[in-house]
C-alpha atoms as a PDB file:
ATOM      1  CA  MET A   1       5.555   1.303   4.428  1.00  0.00           C
ATOM      2  CA  ALA A   2       8.411   1.588   6.889  1.00  0.00           C
ATOM      3  CA  ILE A   3      11.303   3.996   6.540  1.00  0.00           C
ATOM      4  CA  ARG A   4      14.513   2.655   8.003  1.00  0.00           C
ATOM      5  CA  ILE A   5      17.583   4.727   8.745  1.00  0.00           C
ATOM      6  CA  LYS A   6      20.951   3.114   9.394  1.00  0.00           C
ATOM      7  CA  THR A   7      23.755   5.049  11.015  1.00  0.00           C
ATOM      8  CA  ARG A   8      26.651   6.063   8.857  1.00  0.00           C
ATOM      9  CA  GLY A   9      30.060   5.911  10.520  1.00  0.00           C
ATOM     10  CA  ASN A  10      30.287   8.570  13.222  1.00  0.00           C
ATOM     11  CA  GLU A  11      26.928  10.167  12.437  1.00  0.00           C
ATOM     12  CA  SER A  12      25.221  12.015  15.291  1.00  0.00           C
ATOM     13  CA  ALA A  13      21.559  11.629  16.270  1.00  0.00           C
ATOM     14  CA  GLU A  14      20.815  15.127  14.920  1.00  0.00           C
ATOM     15  CA  GLN A  15      22.211  14.198  11.507  1.00  0.00           C
ATOM     16  CA  MET A  16      20.163  11.003  11.455  1.00  0.00           C
ATOM     17  CA  MET A  17      16.989  12.925  12.325  1.00  0.00           C
ATOM     18  CA  ARG A  18      17.728  15.411   9.533  1.00  0.00           C
ATOM     19  CA  ARG A  19      18.104  12.547   7.030  1.00  0.00           C
ATOM     20  CA  PHE A  20      14.907  10.924   8.337  1.00  0.00           C
ATOM     21  CA  LYS A  21      12.918  14.155   7.904  1.00  0.00           C
ATOM     22  CA  LYS A  22      14.235  14.604   4.362  1.00  0.00           C
ATOM     23  CA  LEU A  23      13.240  11.034   3.486  1.00  0.00           C
ATOM     24  CA  CYS A  24       9.745  11.599   4.890  1.00  0.00           C
ATOM     25  CA  GLU A  25       9.336  14.760   2.823  1.00  0.00           C
ATOM     26  CA  LYS A  26      10.683  13.030  -0.276  1.00  0.00           C
ATOM     27  CA  GLU A  27       8.204  10.161   0.119  1.00  0.00           C
ATOM     28  CA  GLY A  28       5.330  12.609   0.625  1.00  0.00           C
ATOM     29  CA  LEU A  29       4.529  11.423   4.138  1.00  0.00           C
ATOM     30  CA  THR A  30       4.710  14.885   5.650  1.00  0.00           C
ATOM     31  CA  LYS A  31       2.239  16.295   3.137  1.00  0.00           C
ATOM     32  CA  ASP A  32      -0.082  13.309   3.552  1.00  0.00           C
ATOM     33  CA  ILE A  33      -0.104  13.606   7.349  1.00  0.00           C
ATOM     34  CA  LYS A  34      -0.941  17.304   7.173  1.00  0.00           C
ATOM     35  CA  LYS A  35      -3.688  16.591   4.639  1.00  0.00           C
ATOM     36  CA  ARG A  36      -5.273  13.932   6.872  1.00  0.00           C
ATOM     37  CA  GLU A  37      -4.879  15.902  10.091  1.00  0.00           C
ATOM     38  CA  TYR A  38      -8.455  17.207   9.854  1.00  0.00           C
ATOM     39  CA  TYR A  39     -11.483  15.741   8.107  1.00  0.00           C
ATOM     40  CA  GLU A  40     -12.422  17.597   4.959  1.00  0.00           C
ATOM     41  CA  LYS A  41     -15.928  17.217   3.587  1.00  0.00           C
ATOM     42  CA  PRO A  42     -16.129  16.092  -0.063  1.00  0.00           C
ATOM     43  CA  SER A  43     -17.856  19.351  -1.031  1.00  0.00           C
ATOM     44  CA  GLU A  44     -14.983  21.361   0.471  1.00  0.00           C
ATOM     45  CA  ARG A  45     -12.480  19.178  -1.381  1.00  0.00           C
ATOM     46  CA  LYS A  46     -14.291  19.814  -4.694  1.00  0.00           C
ATOM     47  CA  ARG A  47     -14.465  23.557  -4.001  1.00  0.00           C
ATOM     48  CA  ARG A  48     -10.732  23.698  -3.255  1.00  0.00           C
ATOM     49  CA  ALA A  49      -9.924  21.733  -6.416  1.00  0.00           C
ATOM     50  CA  ALA A  50     -12.115  24.067  -8.492  1.00  0.00           C
ATOM     51  CA  ARG A  51     -10.356  27.116  -7.071  1.00  0.00           C
ATOM     52  CA  ARG A  52      -6.964  25.576  -7.788  1.00  0.00           C
ATOM     53  CA  ASN A  53      -7.887  24.792 -11.403  1.00  0.00           C
ATOM     54  CA  ALA A  54      -9.628  28.116 -12.105  1.00  0.00           C
ATOM     55  CA  PRO A  55      -7.894  30.388 -14.641  1.00  0.00           C
ATOM     56  CA  ARG A  56      -6.058  33.331 -13.131  1.00  0.00           C
ATOM     57  CA  ILE A  57      -6.543  36.842 -14.403  1.00  0.00           C
END
């Protein structure tokens, strides 16, 4: 999947980068990259999911 950004009128590079970052966050790419940054063993993944789904007191 490729994200393409076209310039709008007199838009600066900083404004384009801001729009690009927002699109990446909206598409979930930022979260996915952070998730895949380090290998997580399946047992650790299950443990984290169990903690997330555990009832809070």
